[in-house]
Full PDB file with SEQRES, HELIX, SHEET, SSBOND, CRYST1, ORIGX, SCALE, CONECT and MASTER records, all heavy atoms in Angstrom:
SEQRES   1 A   33  HIS ASN HIS LEU LEU ASN GLN SER HIS ASN GLN VAL LEU          
SEQRES   2 A   33  HIS GLN SER HIS ASN GLN VAL LEU ASN GLN SER HIS ASN          
SEQRES   3 A   33  GLN VAL LEU ASN GLN ASN HIS                                  
HELIX    1 AA1 LEU A    4  ASN A    6  5                                   3    
HELIX    2 AA2 HIS A   25  VAL A   28  1                                   4    
CRYST1    1.000    1.000    1.000  90.00  90.00  90.00 P 1           1          
ORIGX1      1.000000  0.000000  0.000000        0.00000                         
ORIGX2      0.000000  1.000000  0.000000        0.00000                         
ORIGX3      0.000000  0.000000  1.000000        0.00000                         
SCALE1      1.000000  0.000000  0.000000        0.00000                         
SCALE2      0.000000  1.000000  0.000000        0.00000                         
SCALE3      0.000000  0.000000  1.000000        0.00000                         
ATOM      1  N   HIS A   1       7.224  11.601   4.577  1.00  0.00           N  
ATOM      2  CA  HIS A   1       6.989  10.975   5.879  1.00  0.00           C  
ATOM      3  C   HIS A   1       8.244  10.639   6.629  1.00  0.00           C  
ATOM      4  O   HIS A   1       8.202  10.126   7.690  1.00  0.00           O  
ATOM      5  CB  HIS A   1       6.120   9.704   5.666  1.00  0.00           C  
ATOM      6  CG  HIS A   1       4.733  10.036   5.376  1.00  0.00           C  
ATOM      7  ND1 HIS A   1       3.875  10.659   6.273  1.00  0.00           N  
ATOM      8  CD2 HIS A   1       3.956   9.828   4.245  1.00  0.00           C  
ATOM      9  CE1 HIS A   1       2.704  10.808   5.757  1.00  0.00           C  
ATOM     10  NE2 HIS A   1       2.681  10.313   4.529  1.00  0.00           N  
ATOM     11  N   ASN A   2       9.381  10.940   5.972  1.00  0.00           N  
ATOM     12  CA  ASN A   2      10.668  10.733   6.711  1.00  0.00           C  
ATOM     13  C   ASN A   2      11.071  12.024   7.446  1.00  0.00           C  
ATOM     14  O   ASN A   2      12.236  12.200   7.773  1.00  0.00           O  
ATOM     15  CB  ASN A   2      11.746  10.372   5.714  1.00  0.00           C  
ATOM     16  CG  ASN A   2      11.630   8.915   5.279  1.00  0.00           C  
ATOM     17  OD1 ASN A   2      11.159   8.093   5.985  1.00  0.00           O  
ATOM     18  ND2 ASN A   2      12.108   8.667   4.061  1.00  0.00           N  
ATOM     19  N   HIS A   3      10.070  12.959   7.618  1.00  0.00           N  
ATOM     20  CA  HIS A   3      10.233  14.100   8.494  1.00  0.00           C  
ATOM     21  C   HIS A   3      11.246  15.121   7.953  1.00  0.00           C  
ATOM     22  O   HIS A   3      11.955  15.836   8.703  1.00  0.00           O  
ATOM     23  CB  HIS A   3      10.629  13.706   9.907  1.00  0.00           C  
ATOM     24  CG  HIS A   3       9.643  12.733  10.501  1.00  0.00           C  
ATOM     25  ND1 HIS A   3       8.406  13.108  10.947  1.00  0.00           N  
ATOM     26  CD2 HIS A   3       9.803  11.441  10.822  1.00  0.00           C  
ATOM     27  CE1 HIS A   3       7.844  12.055  11.427  1.00  0.00           C  
ATOM     28  NE2 HIS A   3       8.634  11.041  11.364  1.00  0.00           N  
ATOM     29  N   LEU A   4      11.367  15.185   6.619  1.00  0.00           N  
ATOM     30  CA  LEU A   4      12.256  16.203   6.099  1.00  0.00           C  
ATOM     31  C   LEU A   4      11.847  17.639   6.512  1.00  0.00           C  
ATOM     32  O   LEU A   4      12.604  18.544   6.663  1.00  0.00           O  
ATOM     33  CB  LEU A   4      12.251  16.121   4.557  1.00  0.00           C  
ATOM     34  CG  LEU A   4      13.092  14.963   3.900  1.00  0.00           C  
ATOM     35  CD1 LEU A   4      12.793  14.952   2.420  1.00  0.00           C  
ATOM     36  CD2 LEU A   4      14.546  15.157   4.195  1.00  0.00           C  
ATOM     37  N   LEU A   5      10.528  17.729   6.666  1.00  0.00           N  
ATOM     38  CA  LEU A   5       9.993  19.109   6.966  1.00  0.00           C  
ATOM     39  C   LEU A   5      10.134  19.479   8.434  1.00  0.00           C  
ATOM     40  O   LEU A   5       9.675  20.571   8.800  1.00  0.00           O  
ATOM     41  CB  LEU A   5       8.506  19.152   6.500  1.00  0.00           C  
ATOM     42  CG  LEU A   5       8.423  19.050   5.024  1.00  0.00           C  
ATOM     43  CD1 LEU A   5       6.872  19.018   4.669  1.00  0.00           C  
ATOM     44  CD2 LEU A   5       9.061  20.146   4.277  1.00  0.00           C  
ATOM     45  N   ASN A   6      10.678  18.643   9.252  1.00  0.00           N  
ATOM     46  CA  ASN A   6      10.904  19.017  10.579  1.00  0.00           C  
ATOM     47  C   ASN A   6      12.114  19.941  10.776  1.00  0.00           C  
ATOM     48  O   ASN A   6      12.354  20.389  11.898  1.00  0.00           O  
ATOM     49  CB  ASN A   6      11.111  17.757  11.485  1.00  0.00           C  
ATOM     50  CG  ASN A   6       9.744  17.087  11.780  1.00  0.00           C  
ATOM     51  OD1 ASN A   6       8.698  17.681  11.697  1.00  0.00           O  
ATOM     52  ND2 ASN A   6       9.832  15.753  12.083  1.00  0.00           N  
ATOM     53  N   GLN A   7      12.846  20.175   9.743  1.00  0.00           N  
ATOM     54  CA  GLN A   7      13.994  21.083   9.801  1.00  0.00           C  
ATOM     55  C   GLN A   7      13.446  22.479  10.068  1.00  0.00           C  
ATOM     56  O   GLN A   7      12.595  22.996   9.378  1.00  0.00           O  
ATOM     57  CB  GLN A   7      14.773  21.120   8.455  1.00  0.00           C  
ATOM     58  CG  GLN A   7      15.300  19.721   8.030  1.00  0.00           C  
ATOM     59  CD  GLN A   7      16.351  19.207   9.015  1.00  0.00           C  
ATOM     60  OE1 GLN A   7      17.092  20.015   9.562  1.00  0.00           O  
ATOM     61  NE2 GLN A   7      16.383  17.886   9.219  1.00  0.00           N  
ATOM     62  N   SER A   8      14.012  23.143  11.052  1.00  0.00           N  
ATOM     63  CA  SER A   8      13.411  24.415  11.530  1.00  0.00           C  
ATOM     64  C   SER A   8      13.667  25.584  10.559  1.00  0.00           C  
ATOM     65  O   SER A   8      13.006  26.610  10.702  1.00  0.00           O  
ATOM     66  CB  SER A   8      13.933  24.776  12.903  1.00  0.00           C  
ATOM     67  OG  SER A   8      15.334  24.927  12.862  1.00  0.00           O  
ATOM     68  N   HIS A   9      14.630  25.387   9.624  1.00  0.00           N  
ATOM     69  CA  HIS A   9      14.929  26.506   8.755  1.00  0.00           C  
ATOM     70  C   HIS A   9      14.550  26.253   7.303  1.00  0.00           C  
ATOM     71  O   HIS A   9      15.076  26.994   6.402  1.00  0.00           O  
ATOM     72  CB  HIS A   9      16.470  26.818   8.849  1.00  0.00           C  
ATOM     73  CG  HIS A   9      16.856  27.299  10.173  1.00  0.00           C  
ATOM     74  ND1 HIS A   9      16.595  28.564  10.618  1.00  0.00           N  
ATOM     75  CD2 HIS A   9      17.476  26.664  11.218  1.00  0.00           C  
ATOM     76  CE1 HIS A   9      17.063  28.741  11.871  1.00  0.00           C  
ATOM     77  NE2 HIS A   9      17.579  27.577  12.239  1.00  0.00           N  
ATOM     78  N   ASN A  10      13.704  25.267   7.065  1.00  0.00           N  
ATOM     79  CA  ASN A  10      13.218  25.120   5.633  1.00  0.00           C  
ATOM     80  C   ASN A  10      12.543  26.367   5.187  1.00  0.00           C  
ATOM     81  O   ASN A  10      11.731  26.957   5.935  1.00  0.00           O  
ATOM     82  CB  ASN A  10      12.205  23.940   5.586  1.00  0.00           C  
ATOM     83  CG  ASN A  10      12.866  22.634   5.795  1.00  0.00           C  
ATOM     84  OD1 ASN A  10      14.109  22.488   5.718  1.00  0.00           O  
ATOM     85  ND2 ASN A  10      12.109  21.578   6.031  1.00  0.00           N  
ATOM     86  N   GLN A  11      12.814  26.816   3.974  1.00  0.00           N  
ATOM     87  CA  GLN A  11      12.154  27.980   3.461  1.00  0.00           C  
ATOM     88  C   GLN A  11      11.390  27.707   2.180  1.00  0.00           C  
ATOM     89  O   GLN A  11      10.417  28.370   1.929  1.00  0.00           O  
ATOM     90  CB  GLN A  11      13.228  29.075   3.160  1.00  0.00           C  
ATOM     91  CG  GLN A  11      13.879  29.619   4.432  1.00  0.00           C  
ATOM     92  CD  GLN A  11      14.881  30.635   4.162  1.00  0.00           C  
ATOM     93  OE1 GLN A  11      15.629  30.590   3.202  1.00  0.00           O  
ATOM     94  NE2 GLN A  11      14.990  31.604   5.083  1.00  0.00           N  
ATOM     95  N   VAL A  12      11.836  26.765   1.365  1.00  0.00           N  
ATOM     96  CA  VAL A  12      11.181  26.502   0.067  1.00  0.00           C  
ATOM     97  C   VAL A  12      10.869  25.006  -0.018  1.00  0.00           C  
ATOM     98  O   VAL A  12      11.788  24.192   0.120  1.00  0.00           O  
ATOM     99  CB  VAL A  12      12.075  26.970  -1.111  1.00  0.00           C  
ATOM    100  CG1 VAL A  12      11.355  26.586  -2.442  1.00  0.00           C  
ATOM    101  CG2 VAL A  12      12.265  28.431  -1.071  1.00  0.00           C  
ATOM    102  N   LEU A  13       9.645  24.647  -0.251  1.00  0.00           N  
ATOM    103  CA  LEU A  13       9.274  23.294  -0.570  1.00  0.00           C  
ATOM    104  C   LEU A  13       8.649  23.291  -1.941  1.00  0.00           C  
ATOM    105  O   LEU A  13       7.565  23.776  -2.162  1.00  0.00           O  
ATOM    106  CB  LEU A  13       8.318  22.675   0.481  1.00  0.00           C  
ATOM    107  CG  LEU A  13       7.722  21.286   0.080  1.00  0.00           C  
ATOM    108  CD1 LEU A  13       8.908  20.280  -0.041  1.00  0.00           C  
ATOM    109  CD2 LEU A  13       6.723  20.857   1.097  1.00  0.00           C  
ATOM    110  N   HIS A  14       9.381  22.673  -2.875  1.00  0.00           N  
ATOM    111  CA  HIS A  14       8.929  22.566  -4.296  1.00  0.00           C  
ATOM    112  C   HIS A  14       8.502  21.163  -4.576  1.00  0.00           C  
ATOM    113  O   HIS A  14       9.359  20.296  -4.775  1.00  0.00           O  
ATOM    114  CB  HIS A  14      10.003  23.045  -5.232  1.00  0.00           C  
ATOM    115  CG  HIS A  14       9.591  23.175  -6.651  1.00  0.00           C  
ATOM    116  ND1 HIS A  14      10.351  23.853  -7.599  1.00  0.00           N  
ATOM    117  CD2 HIS A  14       8.464  22.820  -7.345  1.00  0.00           C  
ATOM    118  CE1 HIS A  14       9.692  23.833  -8.755  1.00  0.00           C  
ATOM    119  NE2 HIS A  14       8.541  23.166  -8.594  1.00  0.00           N  
ATOM    120  N   GLN A  15       7.204  20.876  -4.543  1.00  0.00           N  
ATOM    121  CA  GLN A  15       6.717  19.550  -4.733  1.00  0.00           C  
ATOM    122  C   GLN A  15       5.606  19.558  -5.830  1.00  0.00           C  
ATOM    123  O   GLN A  15       4.498  19.176  -5.606  1.00  0.00           O  
ATOM    124  CB  GLN A  15       6.078  19.030  -3.439  1.00  0.00           C  
ATOM    125  CG  GLN A  15       5.689  17.538  -3.470  1.00  0.00           C  
ATOM    126  CD  GLN A  15       4.635  17.204  -2.437  1.00  0.00           C  
ATOM    127  OE1 GLN A  15       4.701  17.752  -1.336  1.00  0.00           O  
ATOM    128  NE2 GLN A  15       3.721  16.364  -2.842  1.00  0.00           N  
ATOM    129  N   SER A  16       6.003  20.024  -7.000  1.00  0.00           N  
ATOM    130  CA  SER A  16       5.066  20.082  -8.107  1.00  0.00           C  
ATOM    131  C   SER A  16       5.244  18.975  -9.082  1.00  0.00           C  
ATOM    132  O   SER A  16       6.238  18.287  -9.109  1.00  0.00           O  
ATOM    133  CB  SER A  16       5.221  21.476  -8.838  1.00  0.00           C  
ATOM    134  OG  SER A  16       6.485  21.526  -9.446  1.00  0.00           O  
ATOM    135  N   HIS A  17       4.217  18.798  -9.954  1.00  0.00           N  
ATOM    136  CA  HIS A  17       4.259  17.901 -11.033  1.00  0.00           C  
ATOM    137  C   HIS A  17       4.538  16.427 -10.594  1.00  0.00           C  
ATOM    138  O   HIS A  17       5.353  15.670 -11.151  1.00  0.00           O  
ATOM    139  CB  HIS A  17       5.272  18.294 -12.114  1.00  0.00           C  
ATOM    140  CG  HIS A  17       4.897  19.534 -12.782  1.00  0.00           C  
ATOM    141  ND1 HIS A  17       5.165  20.775 -12.256  1.00  0.00           N  
ATOM    142  CD2 HIS A  17       4.297  19.787 -13.994  1.00  0.00           C  
ATOM    143  CE1 HIS A  17       4.741  21.744 -13.039  1.00  0.00           C  
ATOM    144  NE2 HIS A  17       4.199  21.186 -14.102  1.00  0.00           N  
ATOM    145  N   ASN A  18       3.884  16.025  -9.538  1.00  0.00           N  
ATOM    146  CA  ASN A  18       3.916  14.649  -9.127  1.00  0.00           C  
ATOM    147  C   ASN A  18       2.552  14.017  -9.300  1.00  0.00           C  
ATOM    148  O   ASN A  18       1.530  14.719  -9.252  1.00  0.00           O  
ATOM    149  CB  ASN A  18       4.282  14.510  -7.576  1.00  0.00           C  
ATOM    150  CG  ASN A  18       5.731  15.040  -7.354  1.00  0.00           C  
ATOM    151  OD1 ASN A  18       6.664  14.385  -7.732  1.00  0.00           O  
ATOM    152  ND2 ASN A  18       5.801  16.246  -6.702  1.00  0.00           N  
ATOM    153  N   GLN A  19       2.491  12.758  -9.466  1.00  0.00           N  
ATOM    154  CA  GLN A  19       1.191  12.040  -9.810  1.00  0.00           C  
ATOM    155  C   GLN A  19       0.745  11.356  -8.533  1.00  0.00           C  
ATOM    156  O   GLN A  19       0.826  10.158  -8.422  1.00  0.00           O  
ATOM    157  CB  GLN A  19       1.426  11.072 -10.936  1.00  0.00           C  
ATOM    158  CG  GLN A  19       1.704  11.759 -12.271  1.00  0.00           C  
ATOM    159  CD  GLN A  19       1.807  10.807 -13.399  1.00  0.00           C  
ATOM    160  OE1 GLN A  19       1.343   9.684 -13.304  1.00  0.00           O  
ATOM    161  NE2 GLN A  19       2.450  11.262 -14.532  1.00  0.00           N  
ATOM    162  N   VAL A  20       0.205  12.140  -7.609  1.00  0.00           N  
ATOM    163  CA  VAL A  20      -0.319  11.570  -6.359  1.00  0.00           C  
ATOM    164  C   VAL A  20      -1.833  11.462  -6.509  1.00  0.00           C  
ATOM    165  O   VAL A  20      -2.614  12.146  -5.869  1.00  0.00           O  
ATOM    166  CB  VAL A  20       0.087  12.392  -5.166  1.00  0.00           C  
ATOM    167  CG1 VAL A  20       1.494  12.133  -4.789  1.00  0.00           C  
ATOM    168  CG2 VAL A  20      -0.110  13.863  -5.356  1.00  0.00           C  
ATOM    169  N   LEU A  21      -2.252  10.574  -7.401  1.00  0.00           N  
ATOM    170  CA  LEU A  21      -3.684  10.469  -7.726  1.00  0.00           C  
ATOM    171  C   LEU A  21      -4.519  10.077  -6.535  1.00  0.00           C  
ATOM    172  O   LEU A  21      -4.193   9.290  -5.659  1.00  0.00           O  
ATOM    173  CB  LEU A  21      -3.883   9.362  -8.815  1.00  0.00           C  
ATOM    174  CG  LEU A  21      -3.236   9.703 -10.173  1.00  0.00           C  
ATOM    175  CD1 LEU A  21      -3.290   8.499 -11.052  1.00  0.00           C  
ATOM    176  CD2 LEU A  21      -3.926  10.911 -10.805  1.00  0.00           C  
ATOM    177  N   ASN A  22      -5.758  10.702  -6.454  1.00  0.00           N  
ATOM    178  CA  ASN A  22      -6.713  10.412  -5.445  1.00  0.00           C  
ATOM    179  C   ASN A  22      -6.274  10.697  -4.027  1.00  0.00           C  
ATOM    180  O   ASN A  22      -6.810  10.183  -3.112  1.00  0.00           O  
ATOM    181  CB  ASN A  22      -7.199   8.930  -5.540  1.00  0.00           C  
ATOM    182  CG  ASN A  22      -7.826   8.616  -6.912  1.00  0.00           C  
ATOM    183  OD1 ASN A  22      -8.591   9.406  -7.421  1.00  0.00           O  
ATOM    184  ND2 ASN A  22      -7.468   7.490  -7.417  1.00  0.00           N  
ATOM    185  N   GLN A  23      -5.301  11.527  -3.953  1.00  0.00           N  
ATOM    186  CA  GLN A  23      -4.841  11.976  -2.609  1.00  0.00           C  
ATOM    187  C   GLN A  23      -5.261  13.425  -2.396  1.00  0.00           C  
ATOM    188  O   GLN A  23      -5.298  14.213  -3.342  1.00  0.00           O  
ATOM    189  CB  GLN A  23      -3.327  11.895  -2.470  1.00  0.00           C  
ATOM    190  CG  GLN A  23      -2.753  10.423  -2.578  1.00  0.00           C  
ATOM    191  CD  GLN A  23      -3.173   9.620  -1.358  1.00  0.00           C  
ATOM    192  OE1 GLN A  23      -3.077  10.096  -0.204  1.00  0.00           O  
ATOM    193  NE2 GLN A  23      -3.506   8.380  -1.542  1.00  0.00           N  
ATOM    194  N   SER A  24      -5.558  13.820  -1.165  1.00  0.00           N  
ATOM    195  CA  SER A  24      -5.842  15.194  -0.864  1.00  0.00           C  
ATOM    196  C   SER A  24      -4.510  15.892  -0.484  1.00  0.00           C  
ATOM    197  O   SER A  24      -3.547  15.207  -0.095  1.00  0.00           O  
ATOM    198  CB  SER A  24      -6.814  15.337   0.259  1.00  0.00           C  
ATOM    199  OG  SER A  24      -6.239  14.976   1.509  1.00  0.00           O  
ATOM    200  N   HIS A  25      -4.515  17.180  -0.539  1.00  0.00           N  
ATOM    201  CA  HIS A  25      -3.360  17.945  -0.180  1.00  0.00           C  
ATOM    202  C   HIS A  25      -3.050  17.693   1.319  1.00  0.00           C  
ATOM    203  O   HIS A  25      -1.911  17.630   1.750  1.00  0.00           O  
ATOM    204  CB  HIS A  25      -3.605  19.469  -0.395  1.00  0.00           C  
ATOM    205  CG  HIS A  25      -4.821  19.951   0.241  1.00  0.00           C  
ATOM    206  ND1 HIS A  25      -6.063  19.660  -0.295  1.00  0.00           N  
ATOM    207  CD2 HIS A  25      -5.035  20.589   1.419  1.00  0.00           C  
ATOM    208  CE1 HIS A  25      -7.004  20.180   0.521  1.00  0.00           C  
ATOM    209  NE2 HIS A  25      -6.449  20.705   1.553  1.00  0.00           N  
ATOM    210  N   ASN A  26      -4.048  17.456   2.059  1.00  0.00           N  
ATOM    211  CA  ASN A  26      -3.869  17.272   3.535  1.00  0.00           C  
ATOM    212  C   ASN A  26      -3.273  15.922   3.845  1.00  0.00           C  
ATOM    213  O   ASN A  26      -2.522  15.698   4.796  1.00  0.00           O  
ATOM    214  CB  ASN A  26      -5.167  17.410   4.248  1.00  0.00           C  
ATOM    215  CG  ASN A  26      -5.021  17.731   5.703  1.00  0.00           C  
ATOM    216  OD1 ASN A  26      -4.084  18.422   6.123  1.00  0.00           O  
ATOM    217  ND2 ASN A  26      -5.892  17.266   6.548  1.00  0.00           N  
ATOM    218  N   GLN A  27      -3.559  14.885   2.985  1.00  0.00           N  
ATOM    219  CA  GLN A  27      -3.009  13.589   3.182  1.00  0.00           C  
ATOM    220  C   GLN A  27      -1.516  13.533   2.863  1.00  0.00           C  
ATOM    221  O   GLN A  27      -0.736  12.859   3.468  1.00  0.00           O  
ATOM    222  CB  GLN A  27      -3.737  12.543   2.339  1.00  0.00           C  
ATOM    223  CG  GLN A  27      -5.136  12.215   2.847  1.00  0.00           C  
ATOM    224  CD  GLN A  27      -5.900  11.343   1.844  1.00  0.00           C  
ATOM    225  OE1 GLN A  27      -6.058  11.699   0.711  1.00  0.00           O  
ATOM    226  NE2 GLN A  27      -6.383  10.212   2.381  1.00  0.00           N  
ATOM    227  N   VAL A  28      -1.151  14.203   1.780  1.00  0.00           N  
ATOM    228  CA  VAL A  28       0.263  14.146   1.278  1.00  0.00           C  
ATOM    229  C   VAL A  28       1.124  14.987   2.196  1.00  0.00           C  
ATOM    230  O   VAL A  28       2.260  14.613   2.441  1.00  0.00           O  
ATOM    231  CB  VAL A  28       0.301  14.627  -0.150  1.00  0.00           C  
ATOM    232  CG1 VAL A  28       1.773  14.684  -0.612  1.00  0.00           C  
ATOM    233  CG2 VAL A  28      -0.476  13.662  -1.051  1.00  0.00           C  
ATOM    234  N   LEU A  29       0.671  16.099   2.601  1.00  0.00           N  
ATOM    235  CA  LEU A  29       1.491  16.990   3.493  1.00  0.00           C  
ATOM    236  C   LEU A  29       0.823  17.071   4.827  1.00  0.00           C  
ATOM    237  O   LEU A  29      -0.153  17.701   5.025  1.00  0.00           O  
ATOM    238  CB  LEU A  29       1.582  18.426   2.904  1.00  0.00           C  
ATOM    239  CG  LEU A  29       2.606  18.632   1.782  1.00  0.00           C  
ATOM    240  CD1 LEU A  29       2.572  20.072   1.370  1.00  0.00           C  
ATOM    241  CD2 LEU A  29       3.969  18.233   2.241  1.00  0.00           C  
ATOM    242  N   ASN A  30       1.390  16.364   5.855  1.00  0.00           N  
ATOM    243  CA  ASN A  30       0.898  16.417   7.182  1.00  0.00           C  
ATOM    244  C   ASN A  30       1.134  17.823   7.742  1.00  0.00           C  
ATOM    245  O   ASN A  30       2.266  18.259   7.798  1.00  0.00           O  
ATOM    246  CB  ASN A  30       1.616  15.378   8.017  1.00  0.00           C  
ATOM    247  CG  ASN A  30       1.064  15.260   9.447  1.00  0.00           C  
ATOM    248  OD1 ASN A  30       0.604  16.260   9.926  1.00  0.00           O  
ATOM    249  ND2 ASN A  30       1.111  14.099   9.966  1.00  0.00           N  
ATOM    250  N   GLN A  31       0.095  18.518   8.158  1.00  0.00           N  
ATOM    251  CA  GLN A  31       0.280  19.917   8.564  1.00  0.00           C  
ATOM    252  C   GLN A  31       1.199  20.021   9.787  1.00  0.00           C  
ATOM    253  O   GLN A  31       1.824  21.121   9.966  1.00  0.00           O  
ATOM    254  CB  GLN A  31      -1.121  20.545   8.887  1.00  0.00           C  
ATOM    255  CG  GLN A  31      -1.794  19.900  10.102  1.00  0.00           C  
ATOM    256  CD  GLN A  31      -3.151  20.468  10.235  1.00  0.00           C  
ATOM    257  OE1 GLN A  31      -3.829  20.809   9.328  1.00  0.00           O  
ATOM    258  NE2 GLN A  31      -3.658  20.459  11.500  1.00  0.00           N  
ATOM    259  N   ASN A  32       1.399  19.000  10.556  1.00  0.00           N  
ATOM    260  CA  ASN A  32       2.276  19.070  11.677  1.00  0.00           C  
ATOM    261  C   ASN A  32       3.678  19.290  11.296  1.00  0.00           C  
ATOM    262  O   ASN A  32       4.514  19.810  12.057  1.00  0.00           O  
ATOM    263  CB  ASN A  32       2.197  17.813  12.524  1.00  0.00           C  
ATOM    264  CG  ASN A  32       0.796  17.663  13.185  1.00  0.00           C  
ATOM    265  OD1 ASN A  32       0.176  18.662  13.516  1.00  0.00           O  
ATOM    266  ND2 ASN A  32       0.359  16.421  13.357  1.00  0.00           N  
ATOM    267  N   HIS A  33       4.072  18.877  10.056  1.00  0.00           N  
ATOM    268  CA  HIS A  33       5.438  19.141   9.621  1.00  0.00           C  
ATOM    269  C   HIS A  33       5.737  20.555   9.384  1.00  0.00           C  
ATOM    270  O   HIS A  33       6.873  20.988   9.377  1.00  0.00           O  
ATOM    271  CB  HIS A  33       5.681  18.278   8.321  1.00  0.00           C  
ATOM    272  CG  HIS A  33       5.626  16.825   8.515  1.00  0.00           C  
ATOM    273  ND1 HIS A  33       6.292  16.195   9.580  1.00  0.00           N  
ATOM    274  CD2 HIS A  33       5.042  15.866   7.827  1.00  0.00           C  
ATOM    275  CE1 HIS A  33       6.047  14.923   9.487  1.00  0.00           C  
ATOM    276  NE2 HIS A  33       5.282  14.672   8.456  1.00  0.00           N  
TER     277      HIS A  33                                                      
MASTER        0    0    0    2    0    0    0    6  276    1    0    3          
END                                                                             
């Protein structure tokens, strides 16, 4: 939510093996980013 994904040249986002219980993929990653 600190807008790391607003960087225009991001190519790889590796966000595996985190315990975000009861969250949907859409809640954790805002598609606008």
